[in-house]
Amino acid sequence: MPYIVHHISRSLAFDPELLSVMGDAYDRSLQLFTRRPSEAVRHAIASQIIVMTERGLRDPVRLCRASLAAFCHLENEF
């Protein structure tokens, strides 16, 4: 969870329970990689989790899937 907190803008406020959900989603996302993803990948995943949480998504499994789907979509554009 600390990595998620690091990326949250000071203008945003999430309660501790929601931060826990976001941290769970982030951890789930990283566990799907066979090796530790790069800083850029971790940043992209964290950013997407924050964006999806701001849009109202609250389930850690769905946040995980959404963050990876958005990341994969970005990867395919390069």
PDB file of N, CA and C in Angstrom:
ATOM      1  N   MET A   1       0.806  -1.207   0.000  1.00  0.00           N
ATOM      2  CA  MET A   1       0.000   0.000   0.000  1.00  0.00           C
ATOM      3  C   MET A   1       0.844   1.264   0.000  1.00  0.00           C
ATOM      4  N   PRO A   2       2.009   1.324   0.589  1.00  0.00           N
ATOM      5  CA  PRO A   2       2.764   2.579   0.596  1.00  0.00           C
ATOM      6  C   PRO A   2       3.023   3.112  -0.805  1.00  0.00           C
ATOM      7  N   TYR A   3       3.210   2.230  -1.772  1.00  0.00           N
ATOM      8  CA  TYR A   3       3.456   2.699  -3.130  1.00  0.00           C
ATOM      9  C   TYR A   3       2.245   3.444  -3.672  1.00  0.00           C
ATOM     10  N   ILE A   4       1.067   2.963  -3.405  1.00  0.00           N
ATOM     11  CA  ILE A   4      -0.160   3.637  -3.826  1.00  0.00           C
ATOM     12  C   ILE A   4      -0.240   5.009  -3.175  1.00  0.00           C
ATOM     13  N   VAL A   5      -0.009   5.059  -1.892  1.00  0.00           N
ATOM     14  CA  VAL A   5      -0.102   6.321  -1.161  1.00  0.00           C
ATOM     15  C   VAL A   5       0.874   7.342  -1.740  1.00  0.00           C
ATOM     16  N   HIS A   6       2.035   6.887  -2.155  1.00  0.00           N
ATOM     17  CA  HIS A   6       3.050   7.762  -2.740  1.00  0.00           C
ATOM     18  C   HIS A   6       2.530   8.478  -3.996  1.00  0.00           C
ATOM     19  N   HIS A   7       1.639   7.874  -4.729  1.00  0.00           N
ATOM     20  CA  HIS A   7       1.142   8.427  -5.985  1.00  0.00           C
ATOM     21  C   HIS A   7      -0.148   9.230  -5.867  1.00  0.00           C
ATOM     22  N   ILE A   8      -0.713   9.265  -4.704  1.00  0.00           N
ATOM     23  CA  ILE A   8      -1.966   9.984  -4.521  1.00  0.00           C
ATOM     24  C   ILE A   8      -1.676  11.468  -4.349  1.00  0.00           C
ATOM     25  N   SER A   9      -2.341  12.260  -5.134  1.00  0.00           N
ATOM     26  CA  SER A   9      -2.189  13.714  -5.055  1.00  0.00           C
ATOM     27  C   SER A   9      -2.626  14.202  -3.684  1.00  0.00           C
ATOM     28  N   ARG A  10      -1.991  15.238  -3.221  1.00  0.00           N
ATOM     29  CA  ARG A  10      -2.359  15.803  -1.923  1.00  0.00           C
ATOM     30  C   ARG A  10      -3.793  16.347  -1.933  1.00  0.00           C
ATOM     31  N   SER A  11      -4.327  16.619  -3.106  1.00  0.00           N
ATOM     32  CA  SER A  11      -5.685  17.147  -3.183  1.00  0.00           C
ATOM     33  C   SER A  11      -6.744  16.046  -3.059  1.00  0.00           C
ATOM     34  N   LEU A  12      -6.329  14.788  -3.130  1.00  0.00           N
ATOM     35  CA  LEU A  12      -7.262  13.677  -3.013  1.00  0.00           C
ATOM     36  C   LEU A  12      -7.248  13.147  -1.589  1.00  0.00           C
ATOM     37  N   ALA A  13      -8.380  12.677  -1.154  1.00  0.00           N
ATOM     38  CA  ALA A  13      -8.464  12.089   0.180  1.00  0.00           C
ATOM     39  C   ALA A  13      -9.218  10.768   0.088  1.00  0.00           C
ATOM     40  N   PHE A  14      -8.603   9.719   0.587  1.00  0.00           N
ATOM     41  CA  PHE A  14      -9.232   8.409   0.645  1.00  0.00           C
ATOM     42  C   PHE A  14      -9.196   7.950   2.096  1.00  0.00           C
ATOM     43  N   ASP A  15     -10.285   7.347   2.553  1.00  0.00           N
ATOM     44  CA  ASP A  15     -10.305   6.870   3.928  1.00  0.00           C
ATOM     45  C   ASP A  15      -9.413   5.627   4.056  1.00  0.00           C
ATOM     46  N   PRO A  16      -9.029   5.278   5.272  1.00  0.00           N
ATOM     47  CA  PRO A  16      -8.117   4.144   5.480  1.00  0.00           C
ATOM     48  C   PRO A  16      -8.620   2.831   4.888  1.00  0.00           C
ATOM     49  N   GLU A  17      -9.919   2.603   4.966  1.00  0.00           N
ATOM     50  CA  GLU A  17     -10.475   1.366   4.406  1.00  0.00           C
ATOM     51  C   GLU A  17     -10.289   1.321   2.891  1.00  0.00           C
ATOM     52  N   LEU A  18     -10.539   2.431   2.236  1.00  0.00           N
ATOM     53  CA  LEU A  18     -10.380   2.483   0.787  1.00  0.00           C
ATOM     54  C   LEU A  18      -8.903   2.380   0.395  1.00  0.00           C
ATOM     55  N   LEU A  19      -8.024   2.983   1.166  1.00  0.00           N
ATOM     56  CA  LEU A  19      -6.586   2.843   0.913  1.00  0.00           C
ATOM     57  C   LEU A  19      -6.160   1.384   1.010  1.00  0.00           C
ATOM     58  N   SER A  20      -6.763   0.662   1.948  1.00  0.00           N
ATOM     59  CA  SER A  20      -6.473  -0.760   2.091  1.00  0.00           C
ATOM     60  C   SER A  20      -6.933  -1.535   0.854  1.00  0.00           C
ATOM     61  N   VAL A  21      -8.108  -1.211   0.341  1.00  0.00           N
ATOM     62  CA  VAL A  21      -8.623  -1.847  -0.880  1.00  0.00           C
ATOM     63  C   VAL A  21      -7.687  -1.558  -2.048  1.00  0.00           C
ATOM     64  N   MET A  22      -7.252  -0.312  -2.164  1.00  0.00           N
ATOM     65  CA  MET A  22      -6.342   0.079  -3.250  1.00  0.00           C
ATOM     66  C   MET A  22      -5.004  -0.657  -3.128  1.00  0.00           C
ATOM     67  N   GLY A  23      -4.496  -0.771  -1.905  1.00  0.00           N
ATOM     68  CA  GLY A  23      -3.252  -1.500  -1.691  1.00  0.00           C
ATOM     69  C   GLY A  23      -3.388  -2.967  -2.033  1.00  0.00           C
ATOM     70  N   ASP A  24      -4.530  -3.551  -1.689  1.00  0.00           N
ATOM     71  CA  ASP A  24      -4.807  -4.946  -2.024  1.00  0.00           C
ATOM     72  C   ASP A  24      -4.823  -5.126  -3.537  1.00  0.00           C
ATOM     73  N   ALA A  25      -5.481  -4.232  -4.250  1.00  0.00           N
ATOM     74  CA  ALA A  25      -5.546  -4.313  -5.716  1.00  0.00           C
ATOM     75  C   ALA A  25      -4.148  -4.195  -6.316  1.00  0.00           C
ATOM     76  N   TYR A  26      -3.345  -3.289  -5.792  1.00  0.00           N
ATOM     77  CA  TYR A  26      -1.981  -3.101  -6.280  1.00  0.00           C
ATOM     78  C   TYR A  26      -1.149  -4.364  -6.044  1.00  0.00           C
ATOM     79  N   ASP A  27      -1.225  -4.917  -4.839  1.00  0.00           N
ATOM     80  CA  ASP A  27      -0.483  -6.144  -4.531  1.00  0.00           C
ATOM     81  C   ASP A  27      -0.918  -7.295  -5.415  1.00  0.00           C
ATOM     82  N   ARG A  28      -2.224  -7.418  -5.635  1.00  0.00           N
ATOM     83  CA  ARG A  28      -2.737  -8.473  -6.517  1.00  0.00           C
ATOM     84  C   ARG A  28      -2.172  -8.311  -7.935  1.00  0.00           C
ATOM     85  N   SER A  29      -2.119  -7.089  -8.399  1.00  0.00           N
ATOM     86  CA  SER A  29      -1.599  -6.822  -9.741  1.00  0.00           C
ATOM     87  C   SER A  29      -0.144  -7.253  -9.862  1.00  0.00           C
ATOM     88  N   LEU A  30       0.660  -6.898  -8.889  1.00  0.00           N
ATOM     89  CA  LEU A  30       2.083  -7.234  -8.950  1.00  0.00           C
ATOM     90  C   LEU A  30       2.327  -8.736  -8.841  1.00  0.00           C
ATOM     91  N   GLN A  31       1.458  -9.438  -8.121  1.00  0.00           N
ATOM     92  CA  GLN A  31       1.620 -10.885  -7.960  1.00  0.00           C
ATOM     93  C   GLN A  31       1.426 -11.635  -9.274  1.00  0.00           C
ATOM     94  N   LEU A  32       0.811 -11.007 -10.253  1.00  0.00           N
ATOM     95  CA  LEU A  32       0.559 -11.665 -11.530  1.00  0.00           C
ATOM     96  C   LEU A  32       1.778 -11.644 -12.461  1.00  0.00           C
ATOM     97  N   PHE A  33       2.784 -10.883 -12.108  1.00  0.00           N
ATOM     98  CA  PHE A  33       4.007 -10.833 -12.903  1.00  0.00           C
ATOM     99  C   PHE A  33       4.954 -11.942 -12.453  1.00  0.00           C
ATOM    100  N   THR A  34       5.688 -12.519 -13.400  1.00  0.00           N
ATOM    101  CA  THR A  34       6.635 -13.575 -13.050  1.00  0.00           C
ATOM    102  C   THR A  34       7.899 -13.014 -12.408  1.00  0.00           C
ATOM    103  N   ARG A  35       8.205 -11.751 -12.673  1.00  0.00           N
ATOM    104  CA  ARG A  35       9.316 -11.070 -12.005  1.00  0.00           C
ATOM    105  C   ARG A  35       8.892  -9.649 -11.687  1.00  0.00           C
ATOM    106  N   ARG A  36       9.641  -9.013 -10.834  1.00  0.00           N
ATOM    107  CA  ARG A  36       9.276  -7.665 -10.382  1.00  0.00           C
ATOM    108  C   ARG A  36       9.209  -6.709 -11.575  1.00  0.00           C
ATOM    109  N   PRO A  37       8.055  -6.061 -11.769  1.00  0.00           N
ATOM    110  CA  PRO A  37       7.931  -5.121 -12.885  1.00  0.00           C
ATOM    111  C   PRO A  37       8.784  -3.868 -12.668  1.00  0.00           C
ATOM    112  N   SER A  38       9.081  -3.208 -13.743  1.00  0.00           N
ATOM    113  CA  SER A  38       9.879  -1.988 -13.681  1.00  0.00           C
ATOM    114  C   SER A  38       9.139  -0.891 -12.921  1.00  0.00           C
ATOM    115  N   GLU A  39       9.870   0.128 -12.551  1.00  0.00           N
ATOM    116  CA  GLU A  39       9.292   1.286 -11.867  1.00  0.00           C
ATOM    117  C   GLU A  39       8.173   1.899 -12.709  1.00  0.00           C
ATOM    118  N   ALA A  40       8.390   2.004 -14.011  1.00  0.00           N
ATOM    119  CA  ALA A  40       7.385   2.596 -14.904  1.00  0.00           C
ATOM    120  C   ALA A  40       6.097   1.769 -14.910  1.00  0.00           C
ATOM    121  N   VAL A  41       6.224   0.466 -14.908  1.00  0.00           N
ATOM    122  CA  VAL A  41       5.046  -0.416 -14.898  1.00  0.00           C
ATOM    123  C   VAL A  41       4.322  -0.288 -13.560  1.00  0.00           C
ATOM    124  N   ARG A  42       5.062  -0.312 -12.474  1.00  0.00           N
ATOM    125  CA  ARG A  42       4.430  -0.166 -11.156  1.00  0.00           C
ATOM    126  C   ARG A  42       3.726   1.182 -11.045  1.00  0.00           C
ATOM    127  N   HIS A  43       4.335   2.214 -11.576  1.00  0.00           N
ATOM    128  CA  HIS A  43       3.721   3.546 -11.562  1.00  0.00           C
ATOM    129  C   HIS A  43       2.416   3.543 -12.374  1.00  0.00           C
ATOM    130  N   ALA A  44       2.452   2.934 -13.552  1.00  0.00           N
ATOM    131  CA  ALA A  44       1.258   2.888 -14.400  1.00  0.00           C
ATOM    132  C   ALA A  44       0.115   2.136 -13.712  1.00  0.00           C
ATOM    133  N   ILE A  45       0.436   1.028 -13.076  1.00  0.00           N
ATOM    134  CA  ILE A  45      -0.583   0.253 -12.375  1.00  0.00           C
ATOM    135  C   ILE A  45      -1.166   1.056 -11.214  1.00  0.00           C
ATOM    136  N   ALA A  46      -0.293   1.656 -10.419  1.00  0.00           N
ATOM    137  CA  ALA A  46      -0.750   2.466  -9.280  1.00  0.00           C
ATOM    138  C   ALA A  46      -1.636   3.613  -9.757  1.00  0.00           C
ATOM    139  N   SER A  47      -1.213   4.269 -10.810  1.00  0.00           N
ATOM    140  CA  SER A  47      -1.983   5.402 -11.342  1.00  0.00           C
ATOM    141  C   SER A  47      -3.360   4.970 -11.805  1.00  0.00           C
ATOM    142  N   GLN A  48      -3.430   3.830 -12.468  1.00  0.00           N
ATOM    143  CA  GLN A  48      -4.725   3.343 -12.948  1.00  0.00           C
ATOM    144  C   GLN A  48      -5.632   2.957 -11.788  1.00  0.00           C
ATOM    145  N   ILE A  49      -5.078   2.370 -10.754  1.00  0.00           N
ATOM    146  CA  ILE A  49      -5.891   2.023  -9.581  1.00  0.00           C
ATOM    147  C   ILE A  49      -6.468   3.294  -8.969  1.00  0.00           C
ATOM    148  N   ILE A  50      -5.669   4.322  -8.876  1.00  0.00           N
ATOM    149  CA  ILE A  50      -6.149   5.592  -8.321  1.00  0.00           C
ATOM    150  C   ILE A  50      -7.253   6.167  -9.187  1.00  0.00           C
ATOM    151  N   VAL A  51      -7.050   6.176 -10.500  1.00  0.00           N
ATOM    152  CA  VAL A  51      -8.065   6.711 -11.426  1.00  0.00           C
ATOM    153  C   VAL A  51      -9.363   5.928 -11.310  1.00  0.00           C
ATOM    154  N   MET A  52      -9.264   4.598 -11.298  1.00  0.00           N
ATOM    155  CA  MET A  52     -10.477   3.779 -11.232  1.00  0.00           C
ATOM    156  C   MET A  52     -11.181   3.942  -9.879  1.00  0.00           C
ATOM    157  N   THR A  53     -10.414   4.139  -8.818  1.00  0.00           N
ATOM    158  CA  THR A  53     -11.016   4.376  -7.507  1.00  0.00           C
ATOM    159  C   THR A  53     -11.747   5.711  -7.503  1.00  0.00           C
ATOM    160  N   GLU A  54     -11.136   6.722  -8.105  1.00  0.00           N
ATOM    161  CA  GLU A  54     -11.799   8.032  -8.200  1.00  0.00           C
ATOM    162  C   GLU A  54     -13.110   7.932  -8.970  1.00  0.00           C
ATOM    163  N   ARG A  55     -13.195   6.991  -9.897  1.00  0.00           N
ATOM    164  CA  ARG A  55     -14.418   6.801 -10.690  1.00  0.00           C
ATOM    165  C   ARG A  55     -15.450   5.942  -9.976  1.00  0.00           C
ATOM    166  N   GLY A  56     -15.111   5.468  -8.774  1.00  0.00           N
ATOM    167  CA  GLY A  56     -16.107   4.751  -7.983  1.00  0.00           C
ATOM    168  C   GLY A  56     -15.900   3.262  -7.830  1.00  0.00           C
ATOM    169  N   LEU A  57     -14.900   2.695  -8.476  1.00  0.00           N
ATOM    170  CA  LEU A  57     -14.651   1.263  -8.351  1.00  0.00           C
ATOM    171  C   LEU A  57     -14.072   0.989  -6.966  1.00  0.00           C
ATOM    172  N   ARG A  58     -14.628  -0.001  -6.271  1.00  0.00           N
ATOM    173  CA  ARG A  58     -14.225  -0.258  -4.886  1.00  0.00           C
ATOM    174  C   ARG A  58     -13.827  -1.704  -4.616  1.00  0.00           C
ATOM    175  N   ASP A  59     -13.936  -2.567  -5.569  1.00  0.00           N
ATOM    176  CA  ASP A  59     -13.609  -3.977  -5.383  1.00  0.00           C
ATOM    177  C   ASP A  59     -12.144  -4.220  -5.780  1.00  0.00           C
ATOM    178  N   PRO A  60     -11.321  -4.802  -4.889  1.00  0.00           N
ATOM    179  CA  PRO A  60      -9.906  -4.958  -5.203  1.00  0.00           C
ATOM    180  C   PRO A  60      -9.626  -5.846  -6.422  1.00  0.00           C
ATOM    181  N   VAL A  61     -10.439  -6.871  -6.629  1.00  0.00           N
ATOM    182  CA  VAL A  61     -10.239  -7.748  -7.789  1.00  0.00           C
ATOM    183  C   VAL A  61     -10.540  -6.975  -9.080  1.00  0.00           C
ATOM    184  N   ARG A  62     -11.626  -6.237  -9.083  1.00  0.00           N
ATOM    185  CA  ARG A  62     -11.978  -5.453 -10.270  1.00  0.00           C
ATOM    186  C   ARG A  62     -10.977  -4.322 -10.499  1.00  0.00           C
ATOM    187  N   LEU A  63     -10.485  -3.713  -9.425  1.00  0.00           N
ATOM    188  CA  LEU A  63      -9.458  -2.680  -9.565  1.00  0.00           C
ATOM    189  C   LEU A  63      -8.183  -3.273 -10.154  1.00  0.00           C
ATOM    190  N   CYS A  64      -7.805  -4.448  -9.687  1.00  0.00           N
ATOM    191  CA  CYS A  64      -6.636  -5.142 -10.217  1.00  0.00           C
ATOM    192  C   CYS A  64      -6.801  -5.390 -11.707  1.00  0.00           C
ATOM    193  N   ARG A  65      -7.901  -5.984 -12.079  1.00  0.00           N
ATOM    194  CA  ARG A  65      -8.153  -6.290 -13.495  1.00  0.00           C
ATOM    195  C   ARG A  65      -8.190  -5.026 -14.351  1.00  0.00           C
ATOM    196  N   ALA A  66      -8.847  -3.999 -13.861  1.00  0.00           N
ATOM    197  CA  ALA A  66      -8.959  -2.753 -14.615  1.00  0.00           C
ATOM    198  C   ALA A  66      -7.600  -2.092 -14.791  1.00  0.00           C
ATOM    199  N   SER A  67      -6.783  -2.128 -13.756  1.00  0.00           N
ATOM    200  CA  SER A  67      -5.466  -1.495 -13.864  1.00  0.00           C
ATOM    201  C   SER A  67      -4.591  -2.244 -14.852  1.00  0.00           C
ATOM    202  N   LEU A  68      -4.653  -3.557 -14.849  1.00  0.00           N
ATOM    203  CA  LEU A  68      -3.855  -4.336 -15.789  1.00  0.00           C
ATOM    204  C   LEU A  68      -4.391  -4.215 -17.206  1.00  0.00           C
ATOM    205  N   ALA A  69      -5.707  -4.168 -17.356  1.00  0.00           N
ATOM    206  CA  ALA A  69      -6.296  -4.007 -18.686  1.00  0.00           C
ATOM    207  C   ALA A  69      -5.896  -2.664 -19.284  1.00  0.00           C
ATOM    208  N   ALA A  70      -5.938  -1.623 -18.495  1.00  0.00           N
ATOM    209  CA  ALA A  70      -5.541  -0.298 -18.974  1.00  0.00           C
ATOM    210  C   ALA A  70      -4.063  -0.290 -19.315  1.00  0.00           C
ATOM    211  N   PHE A  71      -3.249  -0.939 -18.495  1.00  0.00           N
ATOM    212  CA  PHE A  71      -1.820  -0.993 -18.761  1.00  0.00           C
ATOM    213  C   PHE A  71      -1.544  -1.762 -20.042  1.00  0.00           C
ATOM    214  N   CYS A  72      -2.203  -2.905 -20.228  1.00  0.00           N
ATOM    215  CA  CYS A  72      -2.001  -3.710 -21.443  1.00  0.00           C
ATOM    216  C   CYS A  72      -2.442  -2.936 -22.674  1.00  0.00           C
ATOM    217  N   HIS A  73      -3.508  -2.179 -22.548  1.00  0.00           N
ATOM    218  CA  HIS A  73      -3.974  -1.361 -23.662  1.00  0.00           C
ATOM    219  C   HIS A  73      -2.908  -0.338 -24.049  1.00  0.00           C
ATOM    220  N   LEU A  74      -2.288   0.285 -23.062  1.00  0.00           N
ATOM    221  CA  LEU A  74      -1.230   1.269 -23.324  1.00  0.00           C
ATOM    222  C   LEU A  74      -0.023   0.606 -23.965  1.00  0.00           C
ATOM    223  N   GLU A  75       0.334  -0.586 -23.504  1.00  0.00           N
ATOM    224  CA  GLU A  75       1.473  -1.312 -24.055  1.00  0.00           C
ATOM    225  C   GLU A  75       1.267  -1.627 -25.537  1.00  0.00           C
ATOM    226  N   ASN A  76       0.047  -1.954 -25.933  1.00  0.00           N
ATOM    227  CA  ASN A  76      -0.247  -2.311 -27.307  1.00  0.00           C
ATOM    228  C   ASN A  76      -0.180  -1.115 -28.246  1.00  0.00           C
ATOM    229  N   GLU A  77      -0.193   0.094 -27.714  1.00  0.00           N
ATOM    230  CA  GLU A  77      -0.137   1.281 -28.559  1.00  0.00           C
ATOM    231  C   GLU A  77       1.283   1.616 -28.991  1.00  0.00           C
ATOM    232  N   PHE A  78       2.285   0.980 -28.368  1.00  0.00           N
ATOM    233  CA  PHE A  78       3.687   1.295 -28.699  1.00  0.00           C
ATOM    234  C   PHE A  78       4.275   0.307 -29.659  1.00  0.00           C
TER     235      PHE A  78
END
